Amino acid sequence: MATYVLIHGAAADAWYWGPLAAELRDRGHEVVAPDLPCENESAGLAEYADTVVEAIGDRTRLVVVAHSFGGFTGPLVCDRVPVDLLVMLQAQVPAPGESPGRWWDNTGYGPARQEADRRRGVPEGTEEDPVSFYLHDTPAALAAELLADHQRDQAATPLDQPWPLTAWPEVPTRALLSAGDRFFPVEFMRRVVADRLGFRPDEMPGDHMPMLGHPRELAERLEAYRTAR
């Protein structure tokens, strides 16, 4: 039995891991999915990592899954506790000393998004609604519940803090992308992963929230990574 540690992204809580957590528990694993202090203006990246490490406690055989902005926290956790595997799930990949706020310009996100939008026929400057933008492959009831009950304010404190590691932690790392994500377009994410982690990511169906739209396939992918390690 493994312990899957699920780290959510910005401006949300851990609720959205629910379908994936159920799939993993059905396979006999333990799941830890803490709520990060994203509304707390006094909490930065260190406090985000503290929250996850405290939730892990003395559990072992850890598989850390970091989603979206959770990509800044996941490696910090791996630097502090023994982790068997880190999976970056449609996650921001930080560079040493880079703040989350600088990540967007440093990676060339803006032009990449514009090009991806252009290919979709979306005029520049269009404000898409959340469902069509990043929940278009999520079941409607789950998308509605996420938007109605599980959106949180995101404090700016961690966005301005340099990522404190000087190198990637010494932990086996995989990257898994959602091929249909419109928020982090797949072509852009392929390049970021290759440039910063030095390998080609894997891909699966889904929007920005594959744990809601494709929890069974995601669980199977994670299990394949774990057993192949």
Protein backbone atom coordinates (compact mmCIF):
# COMPACT_ATOMS: atom_id res chain seq x y z
CA MET A 1 0.00 0.00 0.00
CA ALA A 2 1.24 3.48 -0.89
CA THR A 3 0.25 6.88 0.43
CA TYR A 4 -0.74 9.30 -2.30
CA VAL A 5 -0.17 12.93 -1.31
CA LEU A 6 -2.35 15.19 -3.48
CA ILE A 7 -1.43 18.89 -3.63
CA HIS A 8 -4.02 21.24 -5.09
CA GLY A 9 -3.49 24.43 -7.07
CA ALA A 10 -4.21 28.10 -6.43
CA ALA A 11 -7.50 29.65 -5.32
CA ALA A 12 -9.15 26.33 -4.51
CA ASP A 13 -9.38 23.64 -1.85
CA ALA A 14 -8.67 19.93 -1.89
CA TRP A 15 -12.28 18.96 -2.70
CA TYR A 16 -11.50 18.50 -6.36
CA TRP A 17 -9.29 15.50 -5.60
CA GLY A 18 -12.34 13.55 -4.37
CA PRO A 19 -13.02 11.32 -7.40
CA LEU A 20 -9.36 10.44 -7.81
CA ALA A 21 -8.96 9.82 -4.08
CA ALA A 22 -11.87 7.37 -4.22
CA GLU A 23 -10.26 5.49 -7.10
CA LEU A 24 -6.94 5.26 -5.25
CA ARG A 25 -8.58 4.10 -2.01
CA ASP A 26 -10.47 1.45 -3.96
CA ARG A 27 -7.06 0.15 -5.01
CA GLY A 28 -6.02 -0.15 -1.37
CA HIS A 29 -4.00 3.04 -0.96
CA GLU A 30 -4.10 5.80 1.61
CA VAL A 31 -4.71 9.37 0.42
CA VAL A 32 -3.59 12.63 2.03
CA ALA A 33 -5.06 15.76 0.44
CA PRO A 34 -4.70 18.80 2.72
CA ASP A 35 -6.20 22.22 2.15
CA LEU A 36 -3.39 24.72 1.62
CA PRO A 37 -3.60 28.12 3.39
CA CYS A 38 -4.15 29.98 0.14
CA GLU A 39 -6.33 32.71 1.70
CA ASN A 40 -3.80 33.47 4.45
CA GLU A 41 -1.74 36.55 3.58
CA SER A 42 0.93 35.50 6.08
CA ALA A 43 1.45 32.09 4.43
CA GLY A 44 4.08 31.64 1.75
CA LEU A 45 5.65 28.69 -0.02
CA ALA A 46 7.31 27.45 3.18
CA GLU A 47 3.98 27.41 4.99
CA TYR A 48 2.36 25.58 2.08
CA ALA A 49 5.04 22.89 2.36
CA ASP A 50 4.64 22.86 6.16
CA THR A 51 0.93 22.13 5.74
CA VAL A 52 1.58 19.15 3.50
CA VAL A 53 4.42 17.75 5.62
CA GLU A 54 2.27 18.02 8.76
CA ALA A 55 -0.57 16.19 7.01
CA ILE A 56 1.79 13.39 5.94
CA GLY A 57 2.91 12.78 9.50
CA ASP A 58 4.84 9.52 9.83
CA ARG A 59 3.39 7.91 6.70
CA THR A 60 5.81 6.29 4.27
CA ARG A 61 5.85 4.96 0.68
CA LEU A 62 4.83 8.42 -0.50
CA VAL A 63 3.73 9.34 -4.01
CA VAL A 64 3.36 13.11 -4.29
CA VAL A 65 1.04 14.42 -7.01
CA ALA A 66 1.29 18.18 -7.57
CA HIS A 67 -1.30 19.94 -9.73
CA SER A 68 -1.06 23.38 -11.37
CA PHE A 69 0.32 25.91 -8.81
CA GLY A 70 0.95 22.91 -6.56
CA GLY A 71 4.03 22.39 -8.71
CA PHE A 72 5.79 25.01 -6.59
CA THR A 73 4.98 23.11 -3.38
CA GLY A 74 5.43 19.48 -4.41
CA PRO A 75 9.23 19.57 -4.84
CA LEU A 76 9.60 21.42 -1.51
CA VAL A 77 7.82 18.54 0.20
CA CYS A 78 10.13 16.06 -1.56
CA ASP A 79 13.12 17.99 -0.25
CA ARG A 80 11.91 17.55 3.33
CA VAL A 81 10.54 14.01 3.59
CA PRO A 82 11.46 10.72 1.85
CA VAL A 83 9.29 10.42 -1.26
CA ASP A 84 9.23 7.47 -3.66
CA LEU A 85 7.82 9.37 -6.64
CA LEU A 86 6.80 12.91 -7.63
CA VAL A 87 4.21 13.35 -10.38
CA MET A 88 3.80 16.83 -11.84
CA LEU A 89 0.19 16.85 -13.07
CA GLN A 90 -0.40 19.72 -15.48
CA ALA A 91 1.81 21.58 -13.02
CA GLN A 92 3.94 24.69 -13.08
CA VAL A 93 7.60 23.65 -13.07
CA PRO A 94 9.65 26.16 -11.07
CA ALA A 95 13.28 27.11 -11.61
CA PRO A 96 15.66 27.84 -8.73
CA GLY A 97 15.11 31.33 -7.36
CA GLU A 98 12.06 31.97 -9.55
CA SER A 99 8.93 33.39 -7.95
CA PRO A 100 5.55 32.08 -9.04
CA GLY A 101 4.70 35.59 -10.20
CA ARG A 102 7.67 35.62 -12.57
CA TRP A 103 7.02 32.13 -13.91
CA TRP A 104 4.53 33.35 -16.49
CA ASP A 105 6.89 35.75 -18.27
CA ASN A 106 9.94 33.54 -17.79
CA THR A 107 8.27 30.60 -19.53
CA GLY A 108 6.72 32.66 -22.34
CA TYR A 109 3.20 31.78 -21.24
CA GLY A 110 1.49 34.87 -22.71
CA PRO A 111 2.54 34.40 -26.35
CA ALA A 112 1.99 30.64 -26.08
CA ARG A 113 -1.57 31.15 -24.82
CA GLN A 114 -2.28 33.68 -27.56
CA GLU A 115 -1.12 31.23 -30.21
CA ALA A 116 -3.16 28.39 -28.70
CA ASP A 117 -6.23 30.62 -28.51
CA ARG A 118 -5.72 31.73 -32.11
CA ARG A 119 -5.69 28.12 -33.27
CA ARG A 120 -8.97 27.57 -31.40
CA GLY A 121 -10.48 30.60 -33.12
CA VAL A 122 -10.68 32.66 -29.92
CA PRO A 123 -10.06 36.38 -30.57
CA GLU A 124 -7.27 37.98 -28.54
CA GLY A 125 -8.56 39.52 -25.31
CA THR A 126 -11.67 37.33 -25.12
CA GLU A 127 -12.75 36.53 -21.56
CA GLU A 128 -13.95 32.95 -21.63
CA ASP A 129 -16.25 31.60 -18.97
CA PRO A 130 -14.62 29.09 -16.60
CA VAL A 131 -16.50 26.10 -17.95
CA SER A 132 -15.45 26.60 -21.56
CA PHE A 133 -11.94 27.66 -20.52
CA TYR A 134 -10.77 25.03 -18.05
CA LEU A 135 -13.74 22.76 -17.19
CA HIS A 136 -15.02 21.86 -20.64
CA ASP A 137 -14.18 18.17 -20.17
CA THR A 138 -15.48 17.97 -16.59
CA PRO A 139 -18.94 16.54 -15.79
CA ALA A 140 -21.36 19.46 -15.56
CA ALA A 141 -22.48 18.74 -12.00
CA LEU A 142 -18.89 18.60 -10.73
CA ALA A 143 -17.94 21.76 -12.61
CA ALA A 144 -20.91 23.59 -11.10
CA GLU A 145 -20.08 22.38 -7.59
CA LEU A 146 -16.44 23.38 -7.94
CA LEU A 147 -17.32 26.89 -9.09
CA ALA A 148 -20.11 27.38 -6.55
CA ASP A 149 -18.55 25.95 -3.39
CA HIS A 150 -14.81 25.40 -3.73
CA GLN A 151 -13.29 28.57 -5.17
CA ARG A 152 -11.16 30.50 -2.66
CA ASP A 153 -9.29 33.77 -2.64
CA GLN A 154 -5.59 33.41 -3.43
CA ALA A 155 -3.26 35.47 -1.26
CA ALA A 156 -0.44 37.19 -3.12
CA THR A 157 2.25 36.34 -0.56
CA PRO A 158 3.64 33.16 -2.18
CA LEU A 159 3.50 34.66 -5.65
CA ASP A 160 6.33 37.07 -4.89
CA GLN A 161 8.61 34.63 -3.06
CA PRO A 162 11.60 33.06 -4.84
CA TRP A 163 11.41 29.29 -5.06
CA PRO A 164 13.98 28.35 -2.42
CA LEU A 165 15.59 25.20 -3.83
CA THR A 166 18.88 25.47 -5.71
CA ALA A 167 18.19 22.30 -7.71
CA TRP A 168 15.42 19.78 -8.33
CA PRO A 169 15.12 17.35 -5.41
CA GLU A 170 16.64 13.92 -5.85
CA VAL A 171 13.38 12.07 -6.34
CA PRO A 172 12.08 10.14 -9.38
CA THR A 173 9.86 12.58 -11.26
CA ARG A 174 7.24 12.13 -13.95
CA ALA A 175 5.15 14.75 -15.74
CA LEU A 176 1.62 14.12 -16.97
CA LEU A 177 -0.26 16.61 -19.12
CA SER A 178 -3.92 17.05 -20.01
CA ALA A 179 -4.01 17.16 -23.78
CA GLY A 180 -7.14 19.33 -23.93
CA ASP A 181 -6.24 21.95 -21.32
CA ARG A 182 -6.92 25.46 -22.61
CA PHE A 183 -5.43 27.22 -19.58
CA PHE A 184 -2.01 25.53 -19.83
CA PRO A 185 -1.92 24.57 -23.54
CA VAL A 186 -0.27 21.23 -24.15
CA GLU A 187 2.30 22.52 -26.65
CA PHE A 188 3.45 25.11 -24.12
CA MET A 189 3.61 22.58 -21.28
CA ARG A 190 5.59 20.09 -23.37
CA ARG A 191 8.25 22.75 -23.89
CA VAL A 192 8.34 23.83 -20.24
CA VAL A 193 8.74 20.25 -19.01
CA ALA A 194 11.42 19.46 -21.57
CA ASP A 195 13.34 22.67 -20.87
CA ARG A 196 13.17 22.48 -17.09
CA LEU A 197 13.04 18.76 -16.29
CA GLY A 198 14.89 17.42 -19.30
CA PHE A 199 12.41 14.79 -20.45
CA ARG A 200 9.25 14.48 -22.53
CA PRO A 201 6.00 14.45 -20.52
CA ASP A 202 3.22 11.93 -20.92
CA GLU A 203 -0.27 12.99 -21.96
CA MET A 204 -3.83 11.92 -21.21
CA PRO A 205 -7.29 13.25 -22.11
CA GLY A 206 -8.77 16.07 -20.08
CA ASP A 207 -9.05 19.77 -19.37
CA HIS A 208 -7.22 21.53 -16.55
CA MET A 209 -8.94 19.26 -14.01
CA PRO A 210 -8.38 15.67 -15.18
CA MET A 211 -8.97 14.37 -11.65
CA LEU A 212 -12.64 15.36 -12.09
CA GLY A 213 -13.16 14.40 -15.72
CA HIS A 214 -11.01 11.26 -15.91
CA PRO A 215 -10.35 9.99 -12.38
CA ARG A 216 -10.14 6.31 -13.29
CA GLU A 217 -7.66 6.81 -16.12
CA LEU A 218 -5.64 9.17 -13.95
CA ALA A 219 -5.51 6.60 -11.15
CA GLU A 220 -4.37 3.96 -13.65
CA ARG A 221 -1.63 6.28 -14.92
CA LEU A 222 -0.41 7.01 -11.41
CA GLU A 223 -0.43 3.35 -10.50
CA ALA A 224 1.55 2.51 -13.65
CA TYR A 225 4.17 5.11 -12.68
CA ARG A 226 4.33 3.76 -9.13
CA THR A 227 4.66 0.10 -10.04
CA ALA A 228 7.21 0.76 -12.80
CA ARG A 229 9.46 2.80 -10.56
